[in-house]
Amino acid sequence: MLRLFYSPLRRCFPLGGGGSGGGGGGDDRLLWHTELKPHASGNFSIAVAQANYSLEDQSQVFTSPSATYIGVYDGHGGPEASRFVSRHLFSYLNKFSTEQGGLSVDVIKKAIRATEEDFCSLVKLSMHISPQIASVGSCCLLGAIADNVLYVANLGDSRVVLGRKYTGSKISSVVAERLSTDHNVADEEVRREVEALHPDDSGVVVYTRGVWRIKGIIQVSRSIGDVYLKRPDIYTDPDFKQYLNHIPLKYPVMSSEPSIIIRELEPEDLFLIFASDGLWEQLSDEAAADIVFKYPRAGIAKRLVRTALQQAAKKREMRYEDIIKVGKGIRRHFHDDITVIVIFLDHQRGSSHGRIKQTVGCTTAPADIFSLNADDAEAEKILLRSIG
C-alpha cells in the first residue's frame, strides 16, 4: 500500500534520481550526473564519480547565447583549491572578456592569473590557522567557445579530446584528437622541461614510489595553488615549517602559466570530451571518443564514467557491482575522482535561425557527491515516515 502513495510522490518530489535534471547514479551513491542540457551550439552532459573522502574534482559549464565556458578542476592535497577555482574563474573570465570586448588569449591568461593570485592571498591569510592549505592545489582545464572559435587553456593533466568525423571511408567513424598538453613529469618531454628550468638542481625530478615526481612530491608541473612549491615566502614561513619538514628548494619548481590553444571549429568537429585524469587513467583517447560517437547522447558522460569504473574493477579482478559498493576514501585505492563533460558541436556554422535558444545559466557539479546523496537518503527516510 505504501508504494502506491510513494511512487507518485517521488515523481513530484524527486530525491536524487537521475534524468535530465541531474542526480544520483543508480545504485552508486558516489556517482552524480546530468543527462543532457543545451548550450549555444549543441548539448552537453556531465558526470562525476567520487573516490576521495572529500571530492577533489570540481566542474562547471556556463552557457549564454554568445559563449560557452567549460571548467574541470582536479584538486590534490584537499578540495580547497578546486572549489576556489570553481567559485572564481568564470567570474574573472566574464569580467575581463567584457572589459576587453570578447574572449582572447590575454583574457584567459588574466583570468587564470587573477584566480591564482587570489588563492595565494587566501593562503597567506590562512597560514597561521591552517598551514596545510599551502600544500593544496588544483589542475585547471578551461574551455571557451565563442564565435565558432574554441579556446583551451590547461594547467596539469586533465585533458580535452576532440571527436572529429572521419571522412576517409564509407563507414562512419570518428578520430580522436588531443587538444591539451599533459603537464605531468611522467612524460619525458615535461621532465626535460622542468629539469632545463633548474639546471643546478639535480634532484628537481626524482623517481619515487613507482612514478616520477617533482622534488619527490608531486607529478604535475603546473597548477593553481601548491603555493609552497612556488613561493619562497611560503615555504620558508615558520608556520608552514611546523606543518611540513623543510623542502630543499632553491627556486620555485611549479608554474601557473597555462598552455593555450585556439582552434576555429569545423563541420567535421563533432564533440569535445573534457575530463580529469581519473578518466584517462582508465580509457584511451580513442576508446572514449568511440563511446561518445556510438552511443545515445543522453547520459553519455555517465556512460564514460561507468566504463572507466568497469575498467578499474577489471584491473582488480572485481565486478562493477562490487566496486560501486566501496565507500568514499577507501574507493580511492581503486580509482581516482572522475569528472567528465561531453560538449556536442551541432551548430558551429549555424545561422541565427539554426541556433538553440539559450539563456544564461551555469551548471555546477556538487561540491561533494556523498554528502549530496546522503542528504537525499535522509530526505527519503523522512518522506517515507511522513506517509507511512
Protein backbone atom coordinates (compact mmCIF):
# COMPACT_ATOMS: atom_id res chain seq x y z
CA MET A 1 0.00 0.00 0.00
CA LEU A 2 2.83 2.36 0.87
CA ARG A 3 4.30 2.03 -2.62
CA LEU A 4 1.01 3.20 -4.17
CA PHE A 5 1.40 6.55 -2.37
CA TYR A 6 5.17 6.76 -2.55
CA SER A 7 5.60 6.37 -6.32
CA PRO A 8 3.56 9.44 -7.36
CA LEU A 9 5.09 11.48 -4.54
CA ARG A 10 8.57 10.59 -5.76
CA ARG A 11 7.65 11.76 -9.26
CA CYS A 12 6.54 15.12 -7.82
CA PHE A 13 9.49 15.44 -5.41
CA PRO A 14 12.47 13.55 -6.85
CA LEU A 15 15.10 12.64 -4.28
CA GLY A 16 18.42 12.45 -6.09
CA GLY A 17 17.33 10.36 -9.07
CA GLY A 18 18.95 10.63 -12.50
CA GLY A 19 17.27 12.16 -15.52
CA SER A 20 17.98 15.36 -17.37
CA GLY A 21 17.92 17.39 -14.17
CA GLY A 22 20.89 15.52 -12.70
CA GLY A 23 21.17 13.48 -9.54
CA GLY A 24 22.43 10.13 -8.43
CA GLY A 25 23.91 7.30 -10.45
CA GLY A 26 21.58 4.37 -9.85
CA ASP A 27 22.98 2.14 -7.11
CA ASP A 28 26.27 4.04 -6.91
CA ARG A 29 25.87 6.64 -4.17
CA LEU A 30 29.17 8.20 -5.26
CA LEU A 31 28.06 8.97 -8.83
CA TRP A 32 26.26 12.16 -9.97
CA HIS A 33 25.25 13.14 -13.49
CA THR A 34 23.15 15.28 -15.77
CA GLU A 35 21.66 13.52 -18.77
CA LEU A 36 21.66 16.37 -21.32
CA LYS A 37 21.38 20.15 -21.31
CA PRO A 38 21.55 22.77 -24.09
CA HIS A 39 24.34 25.19 -24.84
CA ALA A 40 24.67 27.70 -27.68
CA SER A 41 25.95 25.19 -30.24
CA GLY A 42 24.56 21.85 -29.12
CA ASN A 43 24.06 19.85 -25.90
CA PHE A 44 26.29 18.84 -23.03
CA SER A 45 26.38 16.07 -20.45
CA ILE A 46 28.27 15.89 -17.12
CA ALA A 47 29.08 13.04 -14.75
CA VAL A 48 31.24 12.81 -11.64
CA ALA A 49 32.32 9.82 -9.57
CA GLN A 50 33.74 10.44 -6.10
CA ALA A 51 36.59 8.31 -4.77
CA ASN A 52 38.31 10.54 -2.19
CA TYR A 53 36.96 11.11 1.30
CA SER A 54 36.26 14.69 0.18
CA LEU A 55 35.58 15.13 -3.54
CA GLU A 56 38.61 16.90 -5.01
CA ASP A 57 37.26 17.22 -8.57
CA GLN A 58 35.08 20.25 -9.30
CA SER A 59 33.44 21.11 -12.62
CA GLN A 60 31.02 23.53 -14.27
CA VAL A 61 29.54 24.67 -17.57
CA PHE A 62 28.42 28.27 -18.20
CA THR A 63 26.03 28.84 -21.10
CA SER A 64 24.80 32.00 -22.80
CA PRO A 65 23.63 32.88 -26.33
CA SER A 66 27.11 34.16 -27.19
CA ALA A 67 29.53 31.87 -25.34
CA THR A 68 30.01 28.55 -23.56
CA TYR A 69 32.62 28.05 -20.81
CA ILE A 70 33.71 24.61 -19.59
CA GLY A 71 35.77 24.01 -16.46
CA VAL A 72 37.29 20.85 -14.96
CA TYR A 73 39.37 21.37 -11.81
CA ASP A 74 41.13 18.32 -10.39
CA GLY A 75 42.32 19.10 -6.88
CA HIS A 76 45.09 17.44 -4.90
CA GLY A 77 46.02 17.64 -1.24
CA GLY A 78 42.42 18.55 -0.45
CA PRO A 79 39.36 20.14 -2.11
CA GLU A 80 40.02 23.77 -1.17
CA ALA A 81 41.86 24.88 -4.32
CA SER A 82 39.50 23.23 -6.82
CA ARG A 83 36.47 24.65 -5.00
CA PHE A 84 38.11 28.09 -5.01
CA VAL A 85 38.72 27.92 -8.76
CA SER A 86 35.11 26.85 -9.31
CA ARG A 87 33.85 29.90 -7.42
CA HIS A 88 36.12 32.49 -9.07
CA LEU A 89 37.50 31.59 -12.52
CA PHE A 90 34.34 32.07 -14.61
CA SER A 91 33.62 35.39 -12.88
CA TYR A 92 37.05 36.68 -13.87
CA LEU A 93 36.60 35.32 -17.38
CA ASN A 94 33.33 37.24 -17.74
CA LYS A 95 34.82 40.37 -16.20
CA PHE A 96 37.88 40.55 -18.44
CA SER A 97 36.07 39.49 -21.63
CA THR A 98 33.51 42.25 -21.02
CA GLU A 99 36.24 44.81 -20.39
CA GLN A 100 38.21 43.81 -23.50
CA GLY A 101 35.28 43.25 -25.85
CA GLY A 102 35.43 39.48 -26.12
CA LEU A 103 37.47 36.37 -25.47
CA SER A 104 41.19 36.26 -26.23
CA VAL A 105 44.34 34.55 -25.04
CA ASP A 106 45.11 37.62 -22.95
CA VAL A 107 41.66 37.49 -21.29
CA ILE A 108 42.11 33.82 -20.39
CA LYS A 109 45.61 34.35 -19.01
CA LYS A 110 44.42 37.31 -16.94
CA ALA A 111 41.51 35.29 -15.51
CA ILE A 112 43.79 32.39 -14.52
CA ARG A 113 46.41 34.75 -13.10
CA ALA A 114 43.81 36.61 -11.02
CA THR A 115 42.42 33.34 -9.67
CA GLU A 116 45.92 32.15 -8.75
CA GLU A 117 46.79 35.45 -7.05
CA ASP A 118 43.55 35.44 -5.06
CA PHE A 119 44.17 31.90 -3.87
CA CYS A 120 47.73 32.79 -2.89
CA SER A 121 46.37 35.72 -0.88
CA LEU A 122 43.92 33.38 0.85
CA VAL A 123 46.79 31.03 1.71
CA LYS A 124 48.80 33.89 3.21
CA LEU A 125 45.85 34.97 5.35
CA SER A 126 45.12 31.40 6.50
CA MET A 127 48.66 30.18 7.17
CA HIS A 128 48.70 30.77 10.92
CA ILE A 129 45.37 28.95 11.36
CA SER A 130 45.61 26.27 8.67
CA PRO A 131 49.17 25.91 7.32
CA GLN A 132 48.28 22.80 5.29
CA ILE A 133 46.35 24.99 2.82
CA ALA A 134 49.73 25.99 1.35
CA SER A 135 50.14 22.42 0.08
CA VAL A 136 46.70 22.25 -1.59
CA GLY A 137 46.47 22.72 -5.35
CA SER A 138 44.36 22.04 -8.40
CA CYS A 139 44.81 21.24 -12.06
CA CYS A 140 42.75 23.58 -14.21
CA LEU A 141 41.26 22.72 -17.61
CA LEU A 142 39.31 25.57 -19.17
CA GLY A 143 37.42 25.60 -22.45
CA ALA A 144 35.60 28.51 -24.06
CA ILE A 145 33.59 28.61 -27.28
CA ALA A 146 32.57 31.93 -28.87
CA ASP A 147 32.02 32.99 -32.49
CA ASN A 148 32.81 29.47 -33.71
CA VAL A 149 36.26 29.59 -32.07
CA LEU A 150 37.41 27.18 -29.36
CA TYR A 151 39.94 28.20 -26.72
CA VAL A 152 41.51 25.57 -24.44
CA ALA A 153 43.72 26.53 -21.51
CA ASN A 154 45.34 23.89 -19.33
CA LEU A 155 47.35 23.55 -16.13
CA GLY A 156 48.11 19.99 -15.04
CA ASP A 157 47.00 16.68 -16.50
CA SER A 158 43.27 16.95 -17.07
CA ARG A 159 42.63 16.58 -20.78
CA VAL A 160 40.33 17.58 -23.63
CA VAL A 161 39.87 15.31 -26.64
CA LEU A 162 38.10 16.32 -29.85
CA GLY A 163 35.95 13.77 -31.67
CA ARG A 164 36.28 14.51 -35.36
CA LYS A 165 34.30 12.79 -38.12
CA TYR A 166 36.49 10.52 -40.22
CA THR A 167 35.82 11.01 -43.94
CA GLY A 168 38.34 8.55 -45.35
CA SER A 169 35.88 5.69 -45.86
CA LYS A 170 32.21 4.95 -46.45
CA ILE A 171 31.86 3.62 -42.90
CA SER A 172 31.03 6.41 -40.47
CA SER A 173 33.65 6.67 -37.75
CA VAL A 174 35.45 9.14 -35.51
CA VAL A 175 39.05 10.24 -34.98
CA ALA A 176 40.22 11.32 -31.51
CA GLU A 177 42.45 14.40 -31.45
CA ARG A 178 44.01 15.52 -28.18
CA LEU A 179 43.86 19.31 -27.82
CA SER A 180 45.57 19.81 -24.46
CA THR A 181 49.05 19.18 -23.10
CA ASP A 182 49.51 16.95 -20.03
CA HIS A 183 51.80 18.79 -17.61
CA ASN A 184 52.92 15.64 -15.83
CA VAL A 185 56.54 14.62 -15.29
CA ALA A 186 55.62 11.05 -16.19
CA ASP A 187 56.01 12.44 -19.71
CA GLU A 188 59.70 12.57 -20.66
CA GLU A 189 59.30 15.87 -22.52
CA VAL A 190 57.76 17.52 -19.44
CA ARG A 191 60.55 16.11 -17.25
CA ARG A 192 63.15 17.61 -19.57
CA GLU A 193 61.31 20.93 -19.48
CA VAL A 194 61.35 21.04 -15.66
CA GLU A 195 65.00 19.93 -15.49
CA ALA A 196 66.02 22.55 -18.06
CA LEU A 197 64.46 25.25 -15.87
CA HIS A 198 66.54 24.06 -12.88
CA PRO A 199 69.97 23.07 -14.29
CA ASP A 200 71.68 23.44 -10.91
CA ASP A 201 69.20 21.20 -9.06
CA SER A 202 69.85 17.55 -9.92
CA GLY A 203 67.03 16.43 -7.62
CA VAL A 204 64.29 18.61 -9.07
CA VAL A 205 62.63 15.49 -10.53
CA VAL A 206 63.14 12.10 -8.90
CA TYR A 207 61.70 8.62 -9.36
CA THR A 208 59.97 7.57 -6.16
CA ARG A 209 57.07 5.33 -5.14
CA GLY A 210 56.82 3.98 -8.68
CA VAL A 211 56.48 7.31 -10.54
CA TRP A 212 58.41 10.45 -11.41
CA ARG A 213 57.73 13.37 -9.04
CA ILE A 214 58.92 16.96 -8.68
CA LYS A 215 61.08 17.05 -5.51
CA GLY A 216 59.72 13.56 -4.84
CA ILE A 217 56.33 15.13 -4.01
CA ILE A 218 54.05 15.86 -6.95
CA GLN A 219 53.62 14.66 -10.54
CA VAL A 220 52.05 17.72 -12.20
CA SER A 221 54.29 20.65 -13.08
CA ARG A 222 51.63 23.37 -13.44
CA SER A 223 48.63 24.18 -11.27
CA ILE A 224 46.57 26.67 -9.33
CA GLY A 225 47.78 26.68 -5.73
CA ASP A 226 50.57 24.39 -4.46
CA VAL A 227 51.87 27.66 -3.09
CA TYR A 228 54.59 26.00 -1.03
CA LEU A 229 56.30 24.90 -4.23
CA LYS A 230 56.02 28.31 -5.90
CA ARG A 231 56.54 31.00 -3.29
CA PRO A 232 59.72 31.33 -1.17
CA ASP A 233 57.81 33.45 1.35
CA ILE A 234 55.53 30.45 1.93
CA TYR A 235 57.93 27.52 2.04
CA THR A 236 60.23 29.47 4.40
CA ASP A 237 57.33 30.63 6.60
CA PRO A 238 57.70 29.45 10.24
CA ASP A 239 54.02 28.40 10.41
CA PHE A 240 54.40 26.21 7.35
CA LYS A 241 57.70 24.71 8.55
CA GLN A 242 55.87 23.46 11.64
CA TYR A 243 53.38 21.69 9.37
CA LEU A 244 55.84 20.20 6.88
CA ASN A 245 59.51 19.36 7.12
CA HIS A 246 61.89 21.64 5.25
CA ILE A 247 61.82 21.21 1.47
CA PRO A 248 65.21 21.88 -0.15
CA LEU A 249 64.10 24.46 -2.71
CA LYS A 250 66.45 26.91 -4.37
CA TYR A 251 63.78 28.31 -6.69
CA PRO A 252 60.04 27.74 -7.30
CA VAL A 253 59.54 24.38 -9.01
CA MET A 254 55.94 24.72 -10.24
CA SER A 255 54.19 27.20 -12.53
CA SER A 256 50.70 28.66 -13.00
CA GLU A 257 51.32 29.59 -16.65
CA PRO A 258 48.73 27.77 -18.81
CA SER A 259 49.18 26.12 -22.16
CA ILE A 260 46.61 27.65 -24.53
CA ILE A 261 45.40 26.57 -27.96
CA ILE A 262 42.97 28.33 -30.30
CA ARG A 263 41.01 26.44 -32.94
CA GLU A 264 38.33 27.51 -35.38
CA LEU A 265 35.65 24.83 -35.27
CA GLU A 266 34.92 22.95 -38.48
CA PRO A 267 31.89 20.94 -39.70
CA GLU A 268 33.75 17.67 -39.07
CA ASP A 269 34.24 18.54 -35.37
CA LEU A 270 31.53 16.51 -33.61
CA PHE A 271 32.17 16.74 -29.86
CA LEU A 272 34.65 17.54 -27.11
CA ILE A 273 35.44 15.39 -24.06
CA PHE A 274 36.76 17.38 -21.09
CA ALA A 275 37.84 15.09 -18.25
CA SER A 276 40.08 14.83 -15.22
CA ASP A 277 42.89 12.29 -15.30
CA GLY A 278 40.67 9.86 -13.40
CA LEU A 279 39.05 9.03 -16.74
CA TRP A 280 42.24 8.94 -18.80
CA GLU A 281 43.91 6.56 -16.33
CA GLN A 282 41.27 4.01 -17.38
CA LEU A 283 40.41 4.86 -21.00
CA SER A 284 42.44 5.88 -24.03
CA ASP A 285 41.52 8.98 -26.02
CA GLU A 286 40.34 6.74 -28.86
CA ALA A 287 38.21 4.48 -26.65
CA ALA A 288 36.45 7.46 -25.03
CA ALA A 289 35.75 9.13 -28.39
CA ASP A 290 34.44 5.86 -29.83
CA ILE A 291 31.93 5.50 -26.96
CA VAL A 292 30.63 9.05 -27.41
CA PHE A 293 30.30 8.50 -31.16
CA LYS A 294 28.45 5.18 -30.94
CA TYR A 295 26.01 5.64 -28.06
CA PRO A 296 22.99 7.93 -27.50
CA ARG A 297 23.72 11.41 -26.22
CA ALA A 298 21.52 11.38 -23.14
CA GLY A 299 23.65 10.25 -20.21
CA ILE A 300 26.78 9.85 -22.33
CA ALA A 301 29.08 11.35 -19.66
CA LYS A 302 27.71 8.85 -17.15
CA ARG A 303 28.35 6.04 -19.64
CA LEU A 304 32.01 7.12 -19.90
CA VAL A 305 32.38 7.25 -16.10
CA ARG A 306 30.78 3.83 -15.67
CA THR A 307 33.02 2.36 -18.37
CA ALA A 308 36.04 3.77 -16.51
CA LEU A 309 34.76 2.21 -13.27
CA GLN A 310 34.31 -1.12 -15.04
CA GLN A 311 37.92 -0.93 -16.22
CA ALA A 312 39.10 -0.09 -12.70
CA ALA A 313 37.17 -3.07 -11.36
CA LYS A 314 38.57 -5.35 -14.04
CA LYS A 315 42.14 -4.39 -13.12
CA ARG A 316 41.43 -5.59 -9.56
CA GLU A 317 39.59 -8.69 -10.78
CA MET A 318 36.37 -7.33 -9.31
CA ARG A 319 32.87 -6.83 -10.70
CA TYR A 320 31.45 -3.39 -11.36
CA GLU A 321 28.65 -4.25 -8.91
CA ASP A 322 31.27 -4.77 -6.20
CA ILE A 323 33.38 -1.67 -6.77
CA ILE A 324 30.40 0.69 -6.53
CA LYS A 325 29.68 -0.65 -3.06
CA VAL A 326 33.07 0.54 -1.81
CA GLY A 327 32.77 3.70 0.28
CA LYS A 328 34.43 7.07 -0.19
CA GLY A 329 38.06 7.28 0.85
CA ILE A 330 38.54 3.53 0.54
CA ARG A 331 37.35 3.82 -3.08
CA ARG A 332 40.47 5.90 -3.81
CA HIS A 333 42.52 2.68 -3.63
CA PHE A 334 40.66 1.51 -6.75
CA HIS A 335 40.30 4.69 -8.82
CA ASP A 336 40.63 8.47 -8.64
CA ASP A 337 37.81 11.01 -8.60
CA ILE A 338 36.47 11.07 -12.17
CA THR A 339 34.89 14.06 -13.91
CA VAL A 340 33.62 14.00 -17.50
CA ILE A 341 31.96 16.76 -19.52
CA VAL A 342 30.91 15.99 -23.10
CA ILE A 343 30.18 19.00 -25.31
CA PHE A 344 28.38 18.26 -28.59
CA LEU A 345 29.04 20.62 -31.51
CA ASP A 346 25.99 20.87 -33.75
CA HIS A 347 25.65 24.47 -34.82
CA GLN A 348 29.17 25.79 -35.33
CA ARG A 349 28.21 27.35 -38.62
CA GLY A 350 24.55 27.75 -37.81
CA SER A 351 22.75 30.96 -38.65
CA SER A 352 20.62 32.65 -36.04
CA HIS A 353 17.55 30.57 -37.01
CA GLY A 354 19.56 27.36 -36.61
CA ARG A 355 20.84 28.09 -33.13
CA ILE A 356 19.38 26.68 -29.97
CA LYS A 357 17.52 29.28 -27.96
CA GLN A 358 19.85 29.63 -24.98
CA THR A 359 19.51 31.61 -21.81
CA VAL A 360 22.30 32.47 -19.40
CA GLY A 361 22.96 29.77 -16.83
CA CYS A 362 25.63 27.78 -15.03
CA THR A 363 25.59 24.06 -14.24
CA THR A 364 27.97 23.17 -11.43
CA ALA A 365 28.58 19.65 -10.17
CA PRO A 366 28.07 19.09 -6.42
CA ALA A 367 30.98 20.03 -4.19
CA ASP A 368 30.67 16.60 -2.56
CA ILE A 369 28.57 13.81 -4.04
CA PHE A 370 28.50 11.61 -0.95
CA SER A 371 27.09 14.45 1.17
CA LEU A 372 24.54 15.28 -1.54
CA ASN A 373 23.27 11.72 -1.78
CA ALA A 374 23.41 11.24 1.98
CA ASP A 375 21.09 14.25 2.29
CA ASP A 376 18.83 12.73 -0.37
CA ALA A 377 18.72 9.43 1.50
CA GLU A 378 17.78 11.20 4.76
CA ALA A 379 15.07 13.20 2.97
CA GLU A 380 13.70 9.96 1.53
CA LYS A 381 13.50 8.43 5.00
CA ILE A 382 11.65 11.49 6.32
CA LEU A 383 9.21 11.34 3.39
CA LEU A 384 8.57 7.63 3.96
CA ARG A 385 7.95 8.19 7.68
CA SER A 386 5.55 11.04 6.96
CA ILE A 387 3.36 8.94 4.65
CA GLY A 388 3.79 5.60 6.41
